[in-house]
Amino acid sequence: MIQFEQLYKEVLPVLQSKMDEINYYEYDGISIEDIWNFCIKKKWKKRNIEEMRLYEMVETIFSVKPSEIVSYFQIQQFRSENWFQDINQSELQALLKPKISDGDK
C-alpha cells in the first residue's frame, strides 16, 4: 500500500507544472499543497487513492481549473468560520427570535 507522502512525491512534478500554469494566470494564494489537498478532498473524495493509477492522478491534476480550487477553499472557509463568535448569548437570541412589535402585526 502506497502512502500519501509517496504519492505526493510521485506527482510533485505534475503539481509543479500545474502551479506554474496557475501562476501564469495570476491566481495568488494557491500553493502546490492546496492543489494536492483539493484533489484529495474534492476530486478523489470517493476513491481509494492508493488504488488509483498514476495516469489517473496526473489527468485529474492537469484538468483542475484554478477557479475550482479558489471556490472550494472559499466554501471551506465559510463552513469553518463561526459567524457569531463576537455576539453574546442574549444578542444571538434576539437575532434568532426577534420580538414582534404591535406595528408589525
Protein backbone atom coordinates (compact mmCIF):
# COMPACT_ATOMS: atom_id res chain seq x y z
CA MET A 1 0.00 0.00 0.00
CA ILE A 2 1.44 3.33 -1.08
CA GLN A 3 1.41 6.17 1.46
CA PHE A 4 0.11 9.65 0.63
CA GLU A 5 3.63 11.02 1.05
CA GLN A 6 4.98 8.65 -1.61
CA LEU A 7 2.12 9.50 -3.98
CA TYR A 8 2.76 13.20 -3.40
CA LYS A 9 6.43 12.75 -4.31
CA GLU A 10 5.49 10.86 -7.46
CA VAL A 11 3.13 13.55 -8.73
CA LEU A 12 5.15 16.52 -7.48
CA PRO A 13 6.44 17.42 -10.99
CA VAL A 14 2.85 17.45 -12.23
CA LEU A 15 1.76 19.59 -9.29
CA GLN A 16 4.63 21.98 -10.00
CA SER A 17 3.59 22.20 -13.65
CA LYS A 18 0.02 22.96 -12.60
CA MET A 19 1.33 25.56 -10.15
CA ASP A 20 3.26 27.21 -12.99
CA GLU A 21 0.05 27.37 -15.04
CA ILE A 22 -1.85 28.88 -12.10
CA ASN A 23 0.87 31.49 -11.62
CA TYR A 24 0.73 32.30 -15.33
CA TYR A 25 -2.95 33.22 -14.94
CA GLU A 26 -2.02 35.31 -11.87
CA TYR A 27 -4.02 33.44 -9.24
CA ASP A 28 -2.46 34.43 -5.95
CA GLY A 29 -2.57 32.46 -2.74
CA ILE A 30 -2.71 28.95 -4.21
CA SER A 31 0.13 26.60 -3.30
CA ILE A 32 1.19 23.18 -4.50
CA GLU A 33 -0.19 21.78 -1.24
CA ASP A 34 -3.53 23.47 -1.95
CA ILE A 35 -3.73 21.73 -5.33
CA TRP A 36 -2.86 18.39 -3.73
CA ASN A 37 -5.35 18.85 -0.88
CA PHE A 38 -8.07 19.93 -3.32
CA CYS A 39 -7.57 16.76 -5.34
CA ILE A 40 -7.58 14.55 -2.24
CA LYS A 41 -10.55 16.19 -0.54
CA LYS A 42 -12.70 17.05 -3.56
CA LYS A 43 -11.73 15.23 -6.75
CA TRP A 44 -10.74 11.89 -5.18
CA LYS A 45 -13.08 12.07 -2.20
CA LYS A 46 -14.95 8.88 -3.12
CA ARG A 47 -11.96 6.98 -4.45
CA ASN A 48 -9.37 4.79 -2.83
CA ILE A 49 -6.34 6.88 -3.66
CA GLU A 50 -3.87 4.07 -3.00
CA GLU A 51 -5.53 2.07 -5.79
CA MET A 52 -5.52 4.86 -8.36
CA ARG A 53 -3.23 4.64 -11.32
CA LEU A 54 -0.59 7.31 -11.73
CA TYR A 55 -2.03 8.41 -15.09
CA GLU A 56 -5.44 8.99 -13.43
CA MET A 57 -3.86 11.25 -10.84
CA VAL A 58 -1.92 13.16 -13.49
CA GLU A 59 -5.03 13.57 -15.63
CA THR A 60 -7.01 14.92 -12.68
CA ILE A 61 -4.30 17.36 -11.62
CA PHE A 62 -3.93 18.73 -15.15
CA SER A 63 -7.71 19.09 -15.55
CA VAL A 64 -8.18 21.16 -12.37
CA LYS A 65 -9.11 24.78 -13.00
CA PRO A 66 -7.73 27.45 -10.67
CA SER A 67 -11.25 28.79 -10.10
CA GLU A 68 -12.32 25.35 -8.79
CA ILE A 69 -9.60 25.45 -6.16
CA VAL A 70 -10.41 29.01 -5.12
CA SER A 71 -14.15 28.26 -4.88
CA TYR A 72 -13.58 25.07 -2.90
CA PHE A 73 -11.36 26.74 -0.31
CA GLN A 74 -13.68 29.75 -0.02
CA ILE A 75 -16.58 27.43 0.74
CA GLN A 76 -14.46 25.52 3.27
CA GLN A 77 -13.54 28.81 4.93
CA PHE A 78 -17.19 29.86 5.16
CA ARG A 79 -18.11 26.49 6.66
CA SER A 80 -15.39 26.62 9.28
CA GLU A 81 -15.90 30.19 10.47
CA ASN A 82 -18.05 30.94 13.47
CA TRP A 83 -20.03 33.90 12.21
CA PHE A 84 -21.44 34.65 15.66
CA GLN A 85 -18.28 34.43 17.77
CA ASP A 86 -18.36 38.14 18.69
CA ILE A 87 -22.04 38.10 19.69
CA ASN A 88 -23.05 37.26 23.26
CA GLN A 89 -25.88 34.85 24.02
CA SER A 90 -28.60 37.50 24.53
CA GLU A 91 -27.73 39.23 21.23
CA LEU A 92 -27.80 35.89 19.42
CA GLN A 93 -31.18 35.09 20.96
CA ALA A 94 -32.51 38.48 19.82
CA LEU A 95 -31.35 37.75 16.28
CA LEU A 96 -32.88 34.29 16.18
CA LYS A 97 -36.17 35.16 17.88
CA PRO A 98 -36.87 38.86 17.38
CA LYS A 99 -39.73 40.39 19.32
CA ILE A 100 -42.63 41.45 17.13
CA SER A 101 -43.94 44.93 17.83
CA ASP A 102 -47.62 45.81 17.63
CA GLY A 103 -46.98 47.81 14.45
CA ASP A 104 -45.65 44.70 12.64
CA LYS A 105 -48.76 42.58 13.24
